[in-house]
C-alpha atoms as a PDB file:
ATOM      1  CA  MET A   1     -34.765 -41.788 -74.570  1.00  0.00           C
ATOM      2  CA  SER A   2     -38.272 -40.674 -75.409  1.00  0.00           C
ATOM      3  CA  LEU A   3     -39.058 -37.054 -76.035  1.00  0.00           C
ATOM      4  CA  LYS A   4     -41.254 -36.933 -72.914  1.00  0.00           C
ATOM      5  CA  ARG A   5     -38.471 -38.227 -70.643  1.00  0.00           C
ATOM      6  CA  LEU A   6     -35.953 -35.833 -72.204  1.00  0.00           C
ATOM      7  CA  SER A   7     -38.249 -32.884 -71.508  1.00  0.00           C
ATOM      8  CA  ILE A   8     -38.665 -33.889 -67.845  1.00  0.00           C
ATOM      9  CA  ALA A   9     -34.863 -34.208 -67.391  1.00  0.00           C
ATOM     10  CA  LEU A  10     -34.248 -30.795 -68.935  1.00  0.00           C
ATOM     11  CA  LEU A  11     -36.893 -29.240 -66.704  1.00  0.00           C
ATOM     12  CA  ALA A  12     -35.257 -30.721 -63.561  1.00  0.00           C
ATOM     13  CA  ILE A  13     -31.855 -29.357 -64.581  1.00  0.00           C
ATOM     14  CA  LEU A  14     -33.376 -25.910 -65.152  1.00  0.00           C
ATOM     15  CA  LEU A  15     -35.045 -25.876 -61.715  1.00  0.00           C
ATOM     16  CA  LEU A  16     -31.811 -26.920 -59.986  1.00  0.00           C
ATOM     17  CA  ALA A  17     -29.835 -24.190 -61.730  1.00  0.00           C
ATOM     18  CA  THR A  18     -32.401 -21.575 -60.694  1.00  0.00           C
ATOM     19  CA  THR A  19     -32.263 -22.668 -57.037  1.00  0.00           C
ATOM     20  CA  VAL A  20     -28.473 -22.606 -56.963  1.00  0.00           C
ATOM     21  CA  GLY A  21     -28.375 -19.172 -58.514  1.00  0.00           C
ATOM     22  CA  ALA A  22     -30.765 -17.813 -55.932  1.00  0.00           C
ATOM     23  CA  GLN A  23     -29.402 -19.446 -52.775  1.00  0.00           C
ATOM     24  CA  GLY A  24     -25.898 -20.730 -53.499  1.00  0.00           C
ATOM     25  CA  ILE A  25     -24.652 -24.185 -52.577  1.00  0.00           C
ATOM     26  CA  GLN A  26     -23.753 -24.946 -48.955  1.00  0.00           C
ATOM     27  CA  ILE A  27     -21.585 -27.986 -48.383  1.00  0.00           C
ATOM     28  CA  ASN A  28     -20.903 -28.931 -44.752  1.00  0.00           C
ATOM     29  CA  VAL A  29     -18.046 -31.234 -43.946  1.00  0.00           C
ATOM     30  CA  GLY A  30     -17.941 -32.051 -40.234  1.00  0.00           C
ATOM     31  CA  GLY A  31     -19.660 -28.704 -39.484  1.00  0.00           C
ATOM     32  CA  LYS A  32     -16.693 -26.606 -40.756  1.00  0.00           C
ATOM     33  CA  GLY A  33     -18.785 -24.821 -43.259  1.00  0.00           C
ATOM     34  CA  ARG A  34     -20.686 -22.982 -40.525  1.00  0.00           C
ATOM     35  CA  LYS A  35     -19.432 -19.678 -39.210  1.00  0.00           C
ATOM     36  CA  ASP A  36     -17.782 -20.243 -35.815  1.00  0.00           C
ATOM     37  CA  GLU A  37     -19.344 -18.416 -32.923  1.00  0.00           C
ATOM     38  CA  GLU A  38     -17.305 -15.343 -31.967  1.00  0.00           C
ATOM     39  CA  LYS A  39     -14.907 -16.158 -29.129  1.00  0.00           C
ATOM     40  CA  THR A  40     -14.978 -14.110 -25.919  1.00  0.00           C
ATOM     41  CA  LYS A  41     -12.524 -13.602 -23.072  1.00  0.00           C
ATOM     42  CA  ASN A  42     -12.909 -14.572 -19.438  1.00  0.00           C
ATOM     43  CA  VAL A  43     -10.972 -13.008 -16.563  1.00  0.00           C
ATOM     44  CA  HIS A  44     -10.738 -14.380 -13.061  1.00  0.00           C
ATOM     45  CA  GLY A  45      -8.444 -14.195 -10.054  1.00  0.00           C
ATOM     46  CA  ALA A  46      -8.182 -13.253  -6.398  1.00  0.00           C
ATOM     47  CA  VAL A  47      -7.800 -10.071  -4.367  1.00  0.00           C
ATOM     48  CA  LEU A  48      -5.366 -10.365  -1.437  1.00  0.00           C
ATOM     49  CA  ASP A  49      -4.227  -8.052   1.326  1.00  0.00           C
ATOM     50  CA  GLN A  50      -0.587  -7.134   1.945  1.00  0.00           C
ATOM     51  CA  THR A  51      -0.079 -10.268   4.052  1.00  0.00           C
ATOM     52  CA  GLY A  52      -1.456 -12.564   1.343  1.00  0.00           C
ATOM     53  CA  LYS A  53      -4.848 -13.148   2.951  1.00  0.00           C
ATOM     54  CA  PRO A  54      -7.969 -13.105   0.716  1.00  0.00           C
ATOM     55  CA  ILE A  55     -10.245 -10.066   0.905  1.00  0.00           C
ATOM     56  CA  ALA A  56     -13.987 -10.771   0.813  1.00  0.00           C
ATOM     57  CA  GLY A  57     -16.179  -7.951  -0.479  1.00  0.00           C
ATOM     58  CA  ALA A  58     -13.467  -6.186  -2.486  1.00  0.00           C
ATOM     59  CA  ARG A  59     -14.656  -4.441  -5.635  1.00  0.00           C
ATOM     60  CA  VAL A  60     -13.170  -5.346  -9.015  1.00  0.00           C
ATOM     61  CA  ILE A  61     -13.866  -3.137 -12.048  1.00  0.00           C
ATOM     62  CA  VAL A  62     -13.117  -3.909 -15.695  1.00  0.00           C
ATOM     63  CA  VAL A  63     -13.367  -1.173 -18.351  1.00  0.00           C
ATOM     64  CA  ASN A  64     -13.626  -1.647 -22.116  1.00  0.00           C
ATOM     65  CA  SER A  65     -11.007   0.788 -23.423  1.00  0.00           C
ATOM     66  CA  LYS A  66     -12.851   1.251 -26.720  1.00  0.00           C
ATOM     67  CA  ASP A  67     -16.356   2.228 -25.650  1.00  0.00           C
ATOM     68  CA  LYS A  68     -15.520   2.933 -21.952  1.00  0.00           C
ATOM     69  CA  THR A  69     -18.252   0.656 -20.667  1.00  0.00           C
ATOM     70  CA  SER A  70     -17.504  -1.024 -17.345  1.00  0.00           C
ATOM     71  CA  ARG A  71     -18.542  -4.022 -15.316  1.00  0.00           C
ATOM     72  CA  THR A  72     -18.175  -4.441 -11.559  1.00  0.00           C
ATOM     73  CA  VAL A  73     -18.164  -7.505  -9.308  1.00  0.00           C
ATOM     74  CA  THR A  74     -17.312  -8.116  -5.655  1.00  0.00           C
ATOM     75  CA  THR A  75     -15.099 -10.892  -4.359  1.00  0.00           C
ATOM     76  CA  ASP A  76     -16.516 -13.907  -2.556  1.00  0.00           C
ATOM     77  CA  GLU A  77     -15.455 -15.264   0.844  1.00  0.00           C
ATOM     78  CA  GLY A  78     -12.289 -16.669  -0.682  1.00  0.00           C
ATOM     79  CA  GLY A  79     -11.375 -13.336  -2.289  1.00  0.00           C
ATOM     80  CA  ASN A  80     -12.208 -14.673  -5.776  1.00  0.00           C
ATOM     81  CA  TYR A  81     -13.856 -12.834  -8.675  1.00  0.00           C
ATOM     82  CA  ALA A  82     -14.681 -13.577 -12.323  1.00  0.00           C
ATOM     83  CA  PHE A  83     -15.764 -11.774 -15.489  1.00  0.00           C
ATOM     84  CA  ARG A  84     -17.097 -13.784 -18.450  1.00  0.00           C
ATOM     85  CA  GLY A  85     -17.944 -12.900 -22.016  1.00  0.00           C
ATOM     86  CA  LEU A  86     -15.614  -9.926 -22.506  1.00  0.00           C
ATOM     87  CA  ALA A  87     -15.074  -8.663 -26.043  1.00  0.00           C
ATOM     88  CA  PRO A  88     -11.912 -10.260 -27.467  1.00  0.00           C
ATOM     89  CA  ASP A  89     -10.826  -7.539 -29.905  1.00  0.00           C
ATOM     90  CA  VAL A  90     -10.261  -4.602 -27.530  1.00  0.00           C
ATOM     91  CA  ASN A  91      -8.054  -3.852 -24.552  1.00  0.00           C
ATOM     92  CA  HIS A  92      -9.591  -4.067 -21.084  1.00  0.00           C
ATOM     93  CA  GLU A  93      -8.337  -2.230 -17.999  1.00  0.00           C
ATOM     94  CA  ILE A  94      -8.976  -3.862 -14.635  1.00  0.00           C
ATOM     95  CA  ARG A  95      -8.334  -2.851 -11.024  1.00  0.00           C
ATOM     96  CA  ALA A  96      -9.478  -3.719  -7.495  1.00  0.00           C
ATOM     97  CA  ASP A  97     -10.211  -1.617  -4.429  1.00  0.00           C
ATOM     98  CA  TYR A  98     -11.290  -2.101  -0.834  1.00  0.00           C
ATOM     99  CA  LYS A  99     -11.886   0.471   1.905  1.00  0.00           C
ATOM    100  CA  GLY A 100      -9.804   3.143   0.191  1.00  0.00           C
ATOM    101  CA  ALA A 101      -6.966   0.838  -0.853  1.00  0.00           C
ATOM    102  CA  VAL A 102      -6.652   0.704  -4.650  1.00  0.00           C
ATOM    103  CA  SER A 103      -4.584  -1.734  -6.699  1.00  0.00           C
ATOM    104  CA  VAL A 104      -2.355  -0.928  -9.628  1.00  0.00           C
ATOM    105  CA  LEU A 105      -4.201  -0.756 -12.958  1.00  0.00           C
ATOM    106  CA  LYS A 106      -3.671  -3.826 -15.137  1.00  0.00           C
ATOM    107  CA  THR A 107      -4.386  -4.257 -18.846  1.00  0.00           C
ATOM    108  CA  ILE A 108      -5.713  -7.303 -20.678  1.00  0.00           C
ATOM    109  CA  SER A 109      -4.450  -6.776 -24.210  1.00  0.00           C
ATOM    110  CA  SER A 110      -6.469  -7.605 -27.309  1.00  0.00           C
ATOM    111  CA  LEU A 111      -3.255  -9.089 -28.701  1.00  0.00           C
ATOM    112  CA  MET A 112      -3.304 -11.830 -26.088  1.00  0.00           C
ATOM    113  CA  ASP A 113      -5.256 -14.596 -27.786  1.00  0.00           C
ATOM    114  CA  ARG A 114      -6.292 -16.393 -24.619  1.00  0.00           C
ATOM    115  CA  GLU A 115      -9.863 -17.200 -23.750  1.00  0.00           C
ATOM    116  CA  ASP A 116      -9.044 -17.632 -20.044  1.00  0.00           C
ATOM    117  CA  ASN A 117      -6.997 -14.938 -18.260  1.00  0.00           C
ATOM    118  CA  LEU A 118      -5.760 -15.020 -14.649  1.00  0.00           C
ATOM    119  CA  VAL A 119      -5.250 -11.623 -12.963  1.00  0.00           C
ATOM    120  CA  ASN A 120      -4.558 -11.399  -9.211  1.00  0.00           C
ATOM    121  CA  PHE A 121      -4.357  -8.248  -7.091  1.00  0.00           C
ATOM    122  CA  GLN A 122      -2.631  -7.422  -3.813  1.00  0.00           C
ATOM    123  CA  LEU A 123      -3.834  -4.342  -1.968  1.00  0.00           C
ATOM    124  CA  PRO A 124      -1.704  -2.258   0.440  1.00  0.00           C
ATOM    125  CA  ILE A 125      -4.007  -2.923   3.366  1.00  0.00           C
ATOM    126  CA  ALA A 126      -4.165  -5.435   6.186  1.00  0.00           C
ATOM    127  CA  VAL A 127      -7.501  -7.170   6.709  1.00  0.00           C
ATOM    128  CA  ALA A 128      -8.262  -9.259   9.765  1.00  0.00           C
ATOM    129  CA  ILE A 129     -10.292 -12.383   8.994  1.00  0.00           C
ATOM    130  CA  GLY A 130     -12.302 -14.634  11.290  1.00  0.00           C
ATOM    131  CA  PRO A 131     -10.451 -15.682  14.463  1.00  0.00           C
ATOM    132  CA  ALA A 132      -7.546 -13.427  13.572  1.00  0.00           C
ATOM    133  CA  ALA A 133      -9.692 -10.316  13.980  1.00  0.00           C
ATOM    134  CA  ALA A 134      -8.167  -9.595  17.371  1.00  0.00           C
ATOM    135  CA  THR A 135      -4.627  -9.568  15.972  1.00  0.00           C
ATOM    136  CA  ASP A 136      -2.846  -7.016  13.814  1.00  0.00           C
ATOM    137  CA  PRO A 137      -1.813  -8.486  10.445  1.00  0.00           C
ATOM    138  CA  GLY A 138       0.375  -5.489   9.586  1.00  0.00           C
ATOM    139  CA  PRO A 139       3.734  -5.528   7.806  1.00  0.00           C
ATOM    140  CA  GLU A 140       6.537  -7.750   9.042  1.00  0.00           C
ATOM    141  CA  LEU A 141       9.970  -6.379   8.249  1.00  0.00           C
ATOM    142  CA  GLN A 142      13.558  -7.469   8.783  1.00  0.00           C
ATOM    143  CA  ALA A 143      16.476  -5.292   9.786  1.00  0.00           C
ATOM    144  CA  PHE A 144      19.956  -5.697   8.357  1.00  0.00           C
ATOM    145  CA  ASP A 145      21.085  -7.620  11.447  1.00  0.00           C
ATOM    146  CA  LEU A 146      18.163 -10.110  11.159  1.00  0.00           C
ATOM    147  CA  VAL A 147      15.896  -8.540  13.762  1.00  0.00           C
ATOM    148  CA  LYS A 148      12.253  -9.152  12.821  1.00  0.00           C
ATOM    149  CA  LEU A 149      10.192  -5.999  13.105  1.00  0.00           C
ATOM    150  CA  LYS A 150       6.434  -5.682  13.381  1.00  0.00           C
ATOM    151  CA  ALA A 151       4.398  -2.662  12.302  1.00  0.00           C
ATOM    152  CA  SER A 152       0.809  -1.551  11.889  1.00  0.00           C
ATOM    153  CA  PHE A 153      -0.324   0.215   8.729  1.00  0.00           C
ATOM    154  CA  GLU A 154      -3.580   1.815   7.700  1.00  0.00           C
ATOM    155  CA  LEU A 155      -4.749   3.838   4.703  1.00  0.00           C
ATOM    156  CA  PRO A 156      -7.364   6.599   4.890  1.00  0.00           C
ATOM    157  CA  GLN A 157     -10.621   5.922   3.072  1.00  0.00           C
ATOM    158  CA  GLY A 158     -11.540   7.712  -0.133  1.00  0.00           C
ATOM    159  CA  VAL A 159      -8.255   9.599  -0.540  1.00  0.00           C
ATOM    160  CA  PRO A 160      -6.740   9.675  -4.054  1.00  0.00           C
ATOM    161  CA  ALA A 161      -3.054   9.022  -4.643  1.00  0.00           C
ATOM    162  CA  PRO A 162      -0.469  10.226  -3.863  1.00  0.00           C
ATOM    163  CA  ILE A 163      -1.282   9.862  -0.164  1.00  0.00           C
ATOM    164  CA  PRO A 164       1.022  11.448   2.438  1.00  0.00           C
ATOM    165  CA  ALA A 165       2.535   9.009   4.930  1.00  0.00           C
ATOM    166  CA  VAL A 166       3.610   9.291   8.558  1.00  0.00           C
ATOM    167  CA  LEU A 167       5.840   6.904  10.514  1.00  0.00           C
ATOM    168  CA  PHE A 168       5.305   6.804  14.299  1.00  0.00           C
ATOM    169  CA  LEU A 169       8.193   5.837  16.612  1.00  0.00           C
ATOM    170  CA  HIS A 170       7.385   5.133  20.281  1.00  0.00           C
ATOM    171  CA  GLY A 171       9.477   5.666  23.415  1.00  0.00           C
ATOM    172  CA  TYR A 172      11.644   3.245  25.345  1.00  0.00           C
ATOM    173  CA  GLY A 173       9.606   0.559  27.120  1.00  0.00           C
ATOM    174  CA  GLU A 174       6.502   1.211  24.959  1.00  0.00           C
ATOM    175  CA  ASN A 175       5.115  -0.305  21.753  1.00  0.00           C
ATOM    176  CA  ARG A 176       3.261   0.788  18.617  1.00  0.00           C
ATOM    177  CA  LYS A 177      -0.149   0.650  20.332  1.00  0.00           C
ATOM    178  CA  VAL A 178       0.545   3.888  22.211  1.00  0.00           C
ATOM    179  CA  TRP A 179      -0.313   5.733  18.976  1.00  0.00           C
ATOM    180  CA  ALA A 180      -3.865   4.318  18.793  1.00  0.00           C
ATOM    181  CA  ASP A 181      -5.581   7.645  19.509  1.00  0.00           C
ATOM    182  CA  PHE A 182      -3.228  10.090  17.805  1.00  0.00           C
ATOM    183  CA  ARG A 183      -3.064   8.096  14.572  1.00  0.00           C
ATOM    184  CA  LYS A 184      -6.834   8.583  14.138  1.00  0.00           C
ATOM    185  CA  GLN A 185      -6.282  12.312  13.768  1.00  0.00           C
ATOM    186  CA  PHE A 186      -3.916  11.657  10.863  1.00  0.00           C
ATOM    187  CA  LEU A 187      -6.282   9.186   9.213  1.00  0.00           C
ATOM    188  CA  GLU A 188      -9.099  11.715   9.423  1.00  0.00           C
ATOM    189  CA  ARG A 189      -6.853  14.242   7.685  1.00  0.00           C
ATOM    190  CA  GLY A 190      -6.117  11.827   4.832  1.00  0.00           C
ATOM    191  CA  TRP A 191      -2.744  10.411   5.920  1.00  0.00           C
ATOM    192  CA  ALA A 192      -1.508   6.836   5.659  1.00  0.00           C
ATOM    193  CA  VAL A 193      -0.186   5.740   9.042  1.00  0.00           C
ATOM    194  CA  MET A 194       2.552   3.289  10.007  1.00  0.00           C
ATOM    195  CA  SER A 195       3.349   2.556  13.668  1.00  0.00           C
ATOM    196  CA  LEU A 196       6.539   0.548  14.236  1.00  0.00           C
ATOM    197  CA  ASP A 197       7.528  -1.679  17.145  1.00  0.00           C
ATOM    198  CA  LEU A 198      11.201  -0.900  17.698  1.00  0.00           C
ATOM    199  CA  ARG A 199      13.499  -3.857  18.406  1.00  0.00           C
ATOM    200  CA  GLY A 200      12.993  -5.506  21.761  1.00  0.00           C
ATOM    201  CA  HIS A 201       9.550  -3.923  22.087  1.00  0.00           C
ATOM    202  CA  GLY A 202       6.018  -5.090  21.338  1.00  0.00           C
ATOM    203  CA  ASP A 203       6.128  -7.820  18.699  1.00  0.00           C
ATOM    204  CA  SER A 204       9.674  -7.048  17.499  1.00  0.00           C
ATOM    205  CA  VAL A 205      11.429  -9.435  19.863  1.00  0.00           C
ATOM    206  CA  THR A 206      13.371 -11.957  17.766  1.00  0.00           C
ATOM    207  CA  LYS A 207      16.790 -11.762  16.161  1.00  0.00           C
ATOM    208  CA  ASN A 208      17.968 -14.636  14.003  1.00  0.00           C
ATOM    209  CA  GLN A 209      15.193 -16.767  15.589  1.00  0.00           C
ATOM    210  CA  ARG A 210      16.283 -15.929  19.137  1.00  0.00           C
ATOM    211  CA  THR A 211      14.342 -13.822  21.620  1.00  0.00           C
ATOM    212  CA  ILE A 212      15.847 -10.440  22.465  1.00  0.00           C
ATOM    213  CA  GLN A 213      15.272  -7.987  25.307  1.00  0.00           C
ATOM    214  CA  PRO A 214      15.844  -4.223  25.098  1.00  0.00           C
ATOM    215  CA  SER A 215      18.824  -2.715  26.873  1.00  0.00           C
ATOM    216  CA  THR A 216      19.258   0.860  28.039  1.00  0.00           C
ATOM    217  CA  ALA A 217      22.648   0.754  26.318  1.00  0.00           C
ATOM    218  CA  TRP A 218      20.764   0.705  23.017  1.00  0.00           C
ATOM    219  CA  ARG A 219      19.533   4.242  23.691  1.00  0.00           C
ATOM    220  CA  SER A 220      22.819   5.668  22.459  1.00  0.00           C
ATOM    221  CA  SER A 221      24.005   2.905  20.137  1.00  0.00           C
ATOM    222  CA  PRO A 222      24.191   3.527  16.365  1.00  0.00           C
ATOM    223  CA  ARG A 223      24.025  -0.246  15.786  1.00  0.00           C
ATOM    224  CA  GLU A 224      20.659  -1.002  17.389  1.00  0.00           C
ATOM    225  CA  PHE A 225      17.535   1.191  17.080  1.00  0.00           C
ATOM    226  CA  PRO A 226      18.810   3.172  14.051  1.00  0.00           C
ATOM    227  CA  LEU A 227      18.868  -0.078  12.030  1.00  0.00           C
ATOM    228  CA  ASP A 228      15.059  -0.351  12.365  1.00  0.00           C
ATOM    229  CA  ILE A 229      14.255   2.795  10.370  1.00  0.00           C
ATOM    230  CA  GLY A 230      15.527   1.792   6.925  1.00  0.00           C
ATOM    231  CA  PRO A 231      13.256  -1.263   6.538  1.00  0.00           C
ATOM    232  CA  ALA A 232      10.188   0.758   7.580  1.00  0.00           C
ATOM    233  CA  LEU A 233      10.941   3.544   5.095  1.00  0.00           C
ATOM    234  CA  ASP A 234      11.685   1.016   2.341  1.00  0.00           C
ATOM    235  CA  TRP A 235       8.318  -0.642   2.926  1.00  0.00           C
ATOM    236  CA  LEU A 236       6.498   2.685   2.740  1.00  0.00           C
ATOM    237  CA  LYS A 237       8.335   3.573  -0.472  1.00  0.00           C
ATOM    238  CA  SER A 238       7.195   0.291  -2.032  1.00  0.00           C
ATOM    239  CA  GLN A 239       3.508   1.179  -1.648  1.00  0.00           C
ATOM    240  CA  PRO A 240       2.255   2.506  -5.016  1.00  0.00           C
ATOM    241  CA  ARG A 241      -0.382   4.888  -3.644  1.00  0.00           C
ATOM    242  CA  LEU A 242       1.856   6.734  -1.200  1.00  0.00           C
ATOM    243  CA  ASN A 243       3.901   9.860  -1.741  1.00  0.00           C
ATOM    244  CA  SER A 244       7.140   8.010  -1.071  1.00  0.00           C
ATOM    245  CA  SER A 245       9.356  11.053  -1.598  1.00  0.00           C
ATOM    246  CA  LYS A 246       7.792  12.995   1.308  1.00  0.00           C
ATOM    247  CA  ILE A 247       7.496  10.971   4.517  1.00  0.00           C
ATOM    248  CA  LEU A 248       6.844  12.481   7.944  1.00  0.00           C
ATOM    249  CA  ILE A 249       8.300  10.935  11.115  1.00  0.00           C
ATOM    250  CA  VAL A 250       6.800  11.621  14.542  1.00  0.00           C
ATOM    251  CA  GLY A 251       8.720  10.272  17.531  1.00  0.00           C
ATOM    252  CA  TYR A 252       8.769  10.376  21.324  1.00  0.00           C
ATOM    253  CA  ASP A 253      11.800   9.804  23.568  1.00  0.00           C
ATOM    254  CA  ILE A 254      14.088   7.355  21.702  1.00  0.00           C
ATOM    255  CA  GLY A 255      11.638   7.666  18.820  1.00  0.00           C
ATOM    256  CA  ALA A 256      12.349  11.403  18.827  1.00  0.00           C
ATOM    257  CA  ASN A 257      16.112  10.731  18.739  1.00  0.00           C
ATOM    258  CA  LEU A 258      15.581   8.404  15.792  1.00  0.00           C
ATOM    259  CA  ALA A 259      13.400  10.955  14.002  1.00  0.00           C
ATOM    260  CA  LEU A 260      16.187  13.550  14.199  1.00  0.00           C
ATOM    261  CA  VAL A 261      18.870  11.087  13.072  1.00  0.00           C
ATOM    262  CA  SER A 262      16.685   9.864  10.196  1.00  0.00           C
ATOM    263  CA  SER A 263      15.846  13.344   8.924  1.00  0.00           C
ATOM    264  CA  GLY A 264      19.471  13.903   8.031  1.00  0.00           C
ATOM    265  CA  LYS A 265      20.126  10.399   6.748  1.00  0.00           C
ATOM    266  CA  TYR A 266      17.155   9.639   4.465  1.00  0.00           C
ATOM    267  CA  LYS A 267      16.247  12.058   1.704  1.00  0.00           C
ATOM    268  CA  GLU A 268      12.659  10.791   1.579  1.00  0.00           C
ATOM    269  CA  VAL A 269      12.051  12.128   5.109  1.00  0.00           C
ATOM    270  CA  ARG A 270      10.437  15.494   4.478  1.00  0.00           C
ATOM    271  CA  THR A 271      10.133  16.733   8.057  1.00  0.00           C
ATOM    272  CA  VAL A 272      10.038  15.384  11.623  1.00  0.00           C
ATOM    273  CA  VAL A 273       8.380  16.021  14.953  1.00  0.00           C
ATOM    274  CA  ALA A 274      10.666  15.115  17.864  1.00  0.00           C
ATOM    275  CA  VAL A 275       8.995  15.168  21.287  1.00  0.00           C
ATOM    276  CA  ASN A 276      11.279  14.861  24.327  1.00  0.00           C
ATOM    277  CA  PRO A 277      14.518  13.992  22.485  1.00  0.00           C
ATOM    278  CA  ASN A 278      17.805  13.594  24.338  1.00  0.00           C
ATOM    279  CA  PRO A 279      20.558  15.668  22.660  1.00  0.00           C
ATOM    280  CA  LYS A 280      23.442  13.505  23.894  1.00  0.00           C
ATOM    281  CA  GLU A 281      21.762  10.227  22.884  1.00  0.00           C
ATOM    282  CA  SER A 282      20.774  11.665  19.511  1.00  0.00           C
ATOM    283  CA  LEU A 283      24.382  12.518  18.698  1.00  0.00           C
ATOM    284  CA  GLU A 284      25.609   9.105  19.808  1.00  0.00           C
ATOM    285  CA  MET A 285      22.862   7.320  17.850  1.00  0.00           C
ATOM    286  CA  ALA A 286      24.066   9.092  14.706  1.00  0.00           C
ATOM    287  CA  GLY A 287      27.585   7.790  15.307  1.00  0.00           C
ATOM    288  CA  SER A 288      29.179  11.228  15.501  1.00  0.00           C
ATOM    289  CA  ALA A 289      28.328  14.913  15.343  1.00  0.00           C
ATOM    290  CA  GLN A 290      29.425  14.862  11.708  1.00  0.00           C
ATOM    291  CA  ASP A 291      26.734  12.275  10.918  1.00  0.00           C
ATOM    292  CA  PHE A 292      24.027  14.104  12.862  1.00  0.00           C
ATOM    293  CA  ARG A 293      22.482  16.467  10.306  1.00  0.00           C
ATOM    294  CA  PRO A 294      18.745  16.797  11.011  1.00  0.00           C
ATOM    295  CA  ARG A 295      16.719  19.102   8.780  1.00  0.00           C
ATOM    296  CA  SER A 296      13.226  20.501   9.058  1.00  0.00           C
ATOM    297  CA  ALA A 297      12.218  19.668  12.620  1.00  0.00           C
ATOM    298  CA  LEU A 298       9.710  20.645  15.261  1.00  0.00           C
ATOM    299  CA  ILE A 299      11.349  19.883  18.625  1.00  0.00           C
ATOM    300  CA  VAL A 300       9.240  19.733  21.780  1.00  0.00           C
ATOM    301  CA  THR A 301      11.070  19.708  25.119  1.00  0.00           C
ATOM    302  CA  ASP A 302      10.587  20.374  28.829  1.00  0.00           C
ATOM    303  CA  THR A 303      13.108  23.191  28.817  1.00  0.00           C
ATOM    304  CA  ALA A 304      14.446  25.682  26.311  1.00  0.00           C
ATOM    305  CA  ALA A 305      17.979  24.516  27.135  1.00  0.00           C
ATOM    306  CA  GLN A 306      17.330  21.106  25.549  1.00  0.00           C
ATOM    307  CA  SER A 307      16.170  22.684  22.303  1.00  0.00           C
ATOM    308  CA  ASP A 308      19.087  25.111  22.356  1.00  0.00           C
ATOM    309  CA  GLU A 309      21.491  22.139  22.470  1.00  0.00           C
ATOM    310  CA  LEU A 310      19.984  20.716  19.299  1.00  0.00           C
ATOM    311  CA  LYS A 311      19.332  23.922  17.383  1.00  0.00           C
ATOM    312  CA  PRO A 312      22.923  24.346  16.031  1.00  0.00           C
ATOM    313  CA  TYR A 313      22.643  20.971  14.304  1.00  0.00           C
ATOM    314  CA  VAL A 314      19.235  21.403  12.650  1.00  0.00           C
ATOM    315  CA  LYS A 315      18.923  22.975   9.244  1.00  0.00           C
ATOM    316  CA  GLU A 316      16.006  25.328   8.731  1.00  0.00           C
ATOM    317  CA  PRO A 317      13.083  25.180   8.953  1.00  0.00           C
ATOM    318  CA  PHE A 318      13.294  24.666  12.707  1.00  0.00           C
ATOM    319  CA  ARG A 319      10.889  25.383  15.532  1.00  0.00           C
ATOM    320  CA  SER A 320      11.049  24.654  19.243  1.00  0.00           C
ATOM    321  CA  LEU A 321       8.153  24.305  21.640  1.00  0.00           C
ATOM    322  CA  VAL A 322       8.583  24.193  25.409  1.00  0.00           C
ATOM    323  CA  GLN A 323       5.930  22.363  27.410  1.00  0.00           C
ATOM    324  CA  PRO A 324       5.669  19.421  29.861  1.00  0.00           C
ATOM    325  CA  VAL A 325       6.424  16.145  28.076  1.00  0.00           C
ATOM    326  CA  ALA A 326       6.406  13.609  30.911  1.00  0.00           C
ATOM    327  CA  GLY A 327       4.054  10.658  31.231  1.00  0.00           C
ATOM    328  CA  GLY A 328       4.620   8.605  28.083  1.00  0.00           C
ATOM    329  CA  THR A 329       3.548   8.884  24.460  1.00  0.00           C
ATOM    330  CA  ALA A 330      -0.172   8.220  24.833  1.00  0.00           C
ATOM    331  CA  HIS A 331      -0.499  10.815  27.604  1.00  0.00           C
ATOM    332  CA  VAL A 332       1.634  13.541  26.022  1.00  0.00           C
ATOM    333  CA  PHE A 333      -0.074  13.386  22.632  1.00  0.00           C
ATOM    334  CA  GLN A 334      -3.505  13.855  24.176  1.00  0.00           C
ATOM    335  CA  GLY A 335      -2.726  17.523  24.737  1.00  0.00           C
ATOM    336  CA  LYS A 336      -4.565  19.739  22.272  1.00  0.00           C
ATOM    337  CA  ALA A 337      -1.904  22.453  22.399  1.00  0.00           C
ATOM    338  CA  LEU A 338       0.708  19.932  21.241  1.00  0.00           C
ATOM    339  CA  THR A 339      -1.393  18.310  18.518  1.00  0.00           C
ATOM    340  CA  ASP A 340      -2.466  21.713  17.159  1.00  0.00           C
ATOM    341  CA  ALA A 341       1.169  22.804  17.043  1.00  0.00           C
ATOM    342  CA  ILE A 342       2.126  19.604  15.211  1.00  0.00           C
ATOM    343  CA  PHE A 343      -0.486  20.002  12.485  1.00  0.00           C
ATOM    344  CA  GLN A 344       0.383  23.673  12.084  1.00  0.00           C
ATOM    345  CA  TRP A 345       4.036  22.699  11.674  1.00  0.00           C
ATOM    346  CA  ILE A 346       3.128  20.083   9.066  1.00  0.00           C
ATOM    347  CA  LYS A 347       1.018  22.627   7.192  1.00  0.00           C
ATOM    348  CA  GLU A 348       4.016  24.958   6.970  1.00  0.00           C
ATOM    349  CA  SER A 349       6.843  22.491   6.378  1.00  0.00           C
ATOM    350  CA  TYR A 350       5.497  19.387   4.613  1.00  0.00           C
END
């Protein structure tokens, strides 16, 4: 090799070494030498009401637990929502709400190495949709003896948990709709409201897939109407936002008998309002005087004698109110004197 060619070769080697020292050598094999783009997490799902129907317009909020930033979306007509591009290396907390009903808080852990995450919510609220708007999609329950029970349920708007709950029990020959006006007063005061159709009434008319009709003999039977209360209380206790250890029962006529029987049977019943109860039927509904142990009751009757019959059985606190109670639930509970007395009693005893 000539001296000139040797000099050129040495110069090329020197230039290559200088370039490598300054920039390094990058070797790409199938693109693996490039830094992968940072993965993100996606979250999607649906928001449903207590009957399983999708809720359109529900709000879903996701919060980054590290920097506390949040993102909010609303569900579409099918109740669906989606978040994309969430940071993968932190926990995220996510919840849904709609008209005062709030879901349980769920966590998407940073330890879950999944790009796609499915999170569904079910809210303790009934939402009527489309053609069903004229119907009541409230809870459907089942008694121990296979009677299907229908109820209405509504949460107050903007009230934080735990929310107090009231169970309304109508009179014989009525249905849960008789409480339409009075329940509004409870909702306005921040109460969750359940109105139950007792067996043989309203929409609670099937037993083991056969139609049933109410009988006056049920008024004093411990094996008929009393079996309807447990499922209603169990459903209320299953709702995460309610104060399930302090439930109020308000009843009229047979509903009043049931309220008194229930107050001594179920520890979660905090106090009761019994309007126009029948002492004899109440005792027979309980099964015996030994099983009739009401506690904390406001009793409203036509005569003082009726209250006096019940007073020996009721543990304090106890209060009796004498006033006309004829005309049915809807009529009786329109009286301001009665409703004022009820809310004063609740204020003192709940």
